[in-house]
Protein backbone atom coordinates (compact mmCIF):
# COMPACT_ATOMS: atom_id res chain seq x y z
CA MET A 1 -5.21 126.89 59.85
CA ALA A 2 -3.48 123.95 61.52
CA ARG A 3 -0.26 124.91 59.75
CA TRP A 4 -0.06 128.41 61.29
CA PRO A 5 1.32 127.32 64.68
CA ALA A 6 4.14 125.46 62.97
CA ARG A 7 4.97 128.50 60.83
CA TRP A 8 4.95 130.77 63.86
CA LEU A 9 7.19 128.35 65.73
CA ALA A 10 9.60 128.27 62.82
CA LEU A 11 9.64 132.07 62.64
CA LEU A 12 10.18 132.31 66.38
CA ALA A 13 13.08 129.88 66.14
CA LEU A 14 14.71 131.96 63.40
CA CYS A 15 14.31 135.16 65.40
CA THR A 16 15.72 133.55 68.51
CA ALA A 17 18.72 132.22 66.58
CA GLY A 18 19.29 135.68 65.11
CA LEU A 19 19.22 137.31 68.53
CA LEU A 20 21.64 134.75 69.93
CA HIS A 21 23.96 135.28 66.98
CA ALA A 22 23.80 139.06 67.42
CA ALA A 23 24.68 138.69 71.11
CA GLU A 24 27.92 136.84 70.35
CA PRO A 25 30.98 139.10 70.72
CA PRO A 26 32.87 139.83 67.50
CA PRO A 27 36.09 137.91 66.97
CA PRO A 28 39.21 139.69 68.27
CA ARG A 29 41.13 141.96 65.93
CA VAL A 30 44.45 140.25 65.16
CA LEU A 31 47.57 142.41 65.13
CA ARG A 32 50.56 140.91 63.35
CA ILE A 33 53.74 141.90 65.17
CA CYS A 34 57.27 140.96 64.15
CA ALA A 35 60.01 140.72 66.75
CA ASN A 36 63.74 140.19 66.90
CA VAL A 37 64.39 136.47 67.17
CA ALA A 38 67.09 137.32 69.73
CA LEU A 39 64.31 138.11 72.23
CA GLY A 40 63.55 134.41 72.47
CA PRO A 41 60.16 132.73 72.04
CA PRO A 42 56.93 134.72 72.56
CA GLU A 43 56.06 132.54 75.54
CA GLY A 44 59.40 133.38 77.19
CA ASN A 45 60.20 135.95 79.88
CA SER A 46 61.98 138.70 77.98
CA SER A 47 60.70 142.17 78.91
CA PRO A 48 58.86 142.91 75.62
CA TYR A 49 56.83 139.71 75.80
CA LEU A 50 56.15 140.16 79.52
CA MET A 51 54.72 143.59 78.76
CA MET A 52 52.60 142.47 75.82
CA ARG A 53 50.99 139.74 77.88
CA ARG A 54 49.85 142.40 80.37
CA VAL A 55 48.70 144.68 77.53
CA GLN A 56 46.66 141.77 76.18
CA GLU A 57 44.79 141.60 79.51
CA LEU A 58 43.78 145.26 79.12
CA LEU A 59 42.69 144.89 75.49
CA PRO A 60 40.65 141.68 75.17
CA GLY A 61 39.34 142.82 71.79
CA LEU A 62 42.83 142.43 70.32
CA ARG A 63 44.93 139.35 69.76
CA PHE A 64 48.65 139.61 69.18
CA GLU A 65 50.27 137.29 66.66
CA PHE A 66 54.08 137.38 67.01
CA SER A 67 56.60 136.38 64.35
CA PRO A 68 60.23 136.18 65.57
CA LEU A 69 62.62 137.06 62.72
CA PRO A 70 66.19 138.26 62.22
CA TRP A 71 66.09 141.97 63.09
CA VAL A 72 66.86 143.41 59.65
CA ARG A 73 64.25 141.19 58.03
CA CYS A 74 61.67 142.15 60.67
CA LEU A 75 62.21 145.87 60.01
CA GLN A 76 62.19 145.40 56.24
CA GLU A 77 58.99 143.36 56.14
CA ALA A 78 57.21 145.71 58.54
CA GLY A 79 58.22 148.62 56.33
CA GLN A 80 56.70 146.75 53.37
CA GLY A 81 53.40 146.35 55.23
CA ARG A 82 53.63 142.62 55.94
CA PHE A 83 53.15 143.28 59.66
CA ASP A 84 51.13 145.78 61.68
CA ALA A 85 53.81 146.66 64.24
CA VAL A 86 57.35 145.98 65.42
CA LEU A 87 58.05 144.81 68.95
CA SER A 88 60.55 146.80 71.00
CA ALA A 89 62.20 149.17 68.52
CA SER A 90 64.07 152.34 69.36
CA HIS A 91 63.48 155.40 67.19
CA THR A 92 65.75 156.25 64.30
CA PRO A 93 65.04 158.60 61.36
CA GLN A 94 65.40 155.66 58.95
CA ARG A 95 62.81 153.55 60.78
CA ALA A 96 60.47 156.51 61.10
CA GLU A 97 60.28 156.71 57.29
CA HIS A 98 58.12 153.56 57.29
CA LEU A 99 56.93 153.20 60.88
CA ARG A 100 54.91 155.52 63.12
CA TYR A 101 55.96 156.19 66.71
CA PRO A 102 53.87 157.92 69.40
CA THR A 103 54.33 161.68 69.22
CA GLY A 104 53.33 164.74 71.23
CA PRO A 105 51.42 167.86 70.17
CA GLN A 106 54.38 169.33 68.28
CA GLY A 107 55.31 166.08 66.59
CA GLU A 108 58.02 165.28 69.12
CA LEU A 109 58.67 161.69 70.17
CA ASP A 110 56.47 160.90 73.18
CA ASP A 111 58.50 158.60 75.38
CA SER A 112 55.69 158.45 77.96
CA LYS A 113 54.27 155.84 75.56
CA ARG A 114 57.48 153.80 75.54
CA MET A 115 57.54 150.15 76.48
CA PHE A 116 60.65 150.72 78.61
CA GLN A 117 64.12 152.16 78.38
CA LEU A 118 67.08 149.91 77.79
CA GLY A 119 70.76 150.17 77.02
CA TYR A 120 73.36 147.98 75.40
CA ALA A 121 76.25 146.25 77.12
CA LEU A 122 79.74 145.39 75.97
CA LEU A 123 80.24 141.68 76.52
CA ARG A 124 83.91 140.94 75.87
CA ARG A 125 86.34 138.05 76.15
CA LYS A 126 88.08 138.09 79.51
CA GLY A 127 91.35 139.97 79.21
CA ALA A 128 90.41 141.59 75.88
CA ALA A 129 91.79 145.06 75.15
CA ALA A 130 88.42 146.47 74.12
CA GLN A 131 87.10 148.96 76.67
CA TRP A 132 84.12 151.29 77.10
CA ASP A 133 84.62 154.02 79.72
CA GLY A 134 81.22 155.65 79.35
CA ASN A 135 82.47 158.20 76.83
CA ARG A 136 84.65 156.40 74.32
CA PHE A 137 85.72 152.96 73.13
CA ASN A 138 89.40 152.00 73.17
CA GLY A 139 91.36 148.95 72.12
CA THR A 140 89.52 147.98 68.93
CA SER A 141 90.78 147.96 65.36
CA ALA A 142 90.18 146.51 61.91
CA VAL A 143 92.78 143.79 62.52
CA ALA A 144 91.21 140.32 62.48
CA GLY A 145 89.90 139.44 65.92
CA GLU A 146 90.21 142.99 67.32
CA ALA A 147 86.81 144.39 66.33
CA LEU A 148 83.57 144.47 68.24
CA GLY A 149 80.49 142.85 66.77
CA ALA A 150 76.80 143.70 66.60
CA GLU A 151 73.79 142.34 64.78
CA ARG A 152 73.08 144.13 61.51
CA GLY A 153 70.30 146.68 61.92
CA TYR A 154 71.04 147.49 65.57
CA SER A 155 71.00 151.22 66.25
CA VAL A 156 74.01 150.82 68.57
CA VAL A 157 76.31 150.20 65.59
CA GLN A 158 76.27 153.83 64.54
CA PHE A 159 76.61 154.96 68.17
CA ALA A 160 79.65 152.76 68.79
CA ARG A 161 81.42 153.85 65.61
CA ALA A 162 80.80 157.50 66.48
CA HIS A 163 82.45 156.85 69.85
CA GLY A 164 85.64 155.29 68.55
CA ALA A 165 84.85 151.59 68.08
CA HIS A 166 85.59 149.45 65.06
CA VAL A 167 82.41 147.41 64.63
CA GLU A 168 81.73 144.44 62.36
CA GLU A 169 78.09 143.55 61.69
CA ARG A 170 76.72 140.04 61.58
CA SER A 171 73.55 139.00 59.78
CA ASN A 172 71.90 137.45 62.85
CA ILE A 173 72.39 136.83 66.56
CA THR A 174 73.55 133.23 66.04
CA SER A 175 76.38 134.31 63.75
CA LEU A 176 77.34 137.12 66.13
CA LEU A 177 77.62 134.90 69.20
CA GLU A 178 79.46 132.21 67.26
CA SER A 179 82.05 134.78 66.11
CA LEU A 180 82.52 135.93 69.70
CA ARG A 181 82.80 132.37 71.01
CA LEU A 182 85.43 131.48 68.39
CA GLY A 183 87.52 134.59 69.13
CA ARG A 184 86.85 136.28 65.80
CA LEU A 185 85.64 139.30 67.77
CA GLN A 186 86.89 140.87 71.00
CA GLY A 187 83.40 141.54 72.20
CA ALA A 188 79.78 141.97 71.21
CA LEU A 189 77.30 144.78 71.73
CA LEU A 190 74.14 143.20 73.10
CA SER A 191 71.08 144.42 74.92
CA GLN A 192 71.62 144.57 78.69
CA GLU A 193 69.02 141.87 79.15
CA HIS A 194 70.58 139.48 76.65
CA ALA A 195 74.10 140.00 78.01
CA ALA A 196 72.94 139.33 81.57
CA GLN A 197 71.16 136.19 80.39
CA LEU A 198 74.27 134.82 78.68
CA LEU A 199 76.40 135.30 81.80
CA THR A 200 74.10 133.03 83.80
CA GLU A 201 75.37 130.20 81.58
CA PRO A 202 78.68 128.72 82.83
CA ALA A 203 80.03 128.28 79.30
CA TRP A 204 79.79 132.04 78.73
CA ALA A 205 80.64 133.23 82.25
CA GLN A 206 83.87 131.24 82.24
CA ASN A 207 85.43 133.15 79.34
CA HIS A 208 83.46 136.41 79.04
CA GLU A 209 82.67 139.49 81.11
CA LEU A 210 80.84 142.81 80.99
CA ASN A 211 82.90 145.96 80.59
CA GLY A 212 81.93 149.55 81.41
CA PRO A 213 78.52 151.10 82.04
CA ALA A 214 75.44 150.61 79.89
CA LEU A 215 75.65 152.48 76.59
CA ALA A 216 73.17 154.08 74.21
CA THR A 217 70.31 153.85 76.72
CA ARG A 218 67.13 154.94 75.00
CA PRO A 219 63.37 154.37 74.98
CA TYR A 220 61.92 151.40 73.11
CA PHE A 221 58.47 151.48 71.55
CA LEU A 222 55.88 149.45 69.69
CA PRO A 223 55.91 151.40 66.40
CA VAL A 224 53.11 150.63 63.95
CA THR A 225 52.90 150.77 60.19
CA ALA A 226 51.81 153.94 58.43
CA HIS A 227 48.76 152.08 57.09
CA LEU A 228 47.54 151.08 60.55
CA ALA A 229 48.16 154.55 61.97
CA GLU A 230 46.21 156.18 59.14
CA HIS A 231 43.26 153.78 58.96
CA GLU A 232 42.81 152.79 62.61
CA PRO A 233 44.06 155.71 64.73
CA ALA A 234 41.72 154.91 67.64
CA LEU A 235 43.08 151.36 67.85
CA VAL A 236 46.66 152.64 67.80
CA ALA A 237 45.90 155.23 70.49
CA SER A 238 44.32 152.59 72.75
CA LEU A 239 47.30 150.29 72.20
CA TRP A 240 49.87 152.92 73.17
CA ALA A 241 47.74 154.02 76.14
CA ALA A 242 47.62 150.43 77.41
CA ILE A 243 51.40 150.17 77.03
CA GLU A 244 51.86 153.32 79.13
CA LYS A 245 49.50 151.98 81.81
CA VAL A 246 51.37 148.68 82.03
CA ARG A 247 54.78 150.39 82.13
CA ARG A 248 53.70 152.56 85.06
CA SER A 249 52.40 149.57 87.04
CA PRO A 250 54.52 148.32 89.97
CA ALA A 251 54.02 144.71 88.85
CA PHE A 252 55.62 145.25 85.44
CA ALA A 253 58.37 147.46 86.90
CA GLN A 254 59.49 144.56 89.07
CA GLU A 255 59.26 142.08 86.20
CA TYR A 256 61.34 144.39 84.01
CA SER A 257 64.02 144.91 86.66
CA LEU A 258 64.37 141.18 87.30
CA ALA A 259 64.49 140.43 83.56
CA VAL A 260 67.11 143.08 82.71
CA SER A 261 69.35 142.07 85.63
CA TRP A 262 68.52 138.37 85.17
CA GLY A 263 67.10 138.09 88.66
CA GLN A 264 69.70 140.20 90.47
CA ARG A 265 67.90 143.54 90.97
CA ARG A 266 64.41 144.84 91.65
CA ASP A 267 65.03 148.61 91.50
CA LEU A 268 65.63 149.24 87.79
CA LYS A 269 62.92 151.43 86.27
CA PRO A 270 61.33 150.92 82.86
């Protein structure tokens, strides 16, 4: 009989430990997201990362794990299922074969769930003949040094060629900028944000300039893999809903405007 209290105490201890264990929150669900290395480091202040940090605050049950990669590789590996989503990708029919974008009731692209809208800019050497007037490119050709450049996989390549530009593709952003710096290209087609960032650096501002209005402005999304969309639709819906909520917030709108204009404007809308 003297052993019963000890047994009861042991049982009570086990039950208490079980209750404490059950009360612990489950570990966060990790989402693997690849991103264009041209956006800079995940801890930086480019618009996509600024947004995702605010989305993270709304969804504490998720944890985002970012992998910066060359853009073509990012898209390829996401299409092969090695990631759950792609950060800041515009919609193209080719991408939609492997990735799922938010859609409306009739299957139409739902840009209310976009991260933001963004265009490209023509950053050219000062005095270069290449021009963009808002409708058509002029002054480019296949002659060495007279083409425009863009990173392979950018949707703007097809747009620029359809509007009269001769465009050479480079495998990554480093190669593209090096070709521009060395005069092997007249100009480069970059995101507005990246072009504005470069012109804050004296080495670039001294010899380069923006030309014409923004081009190929379109919505950018966080598309997910077909596997994630099929097996965890509630998670995907909550993710896109959080993105919409952040985009509509005044705080992010100001962050976006400052990032895209590199600190010059506060009135640009995402």
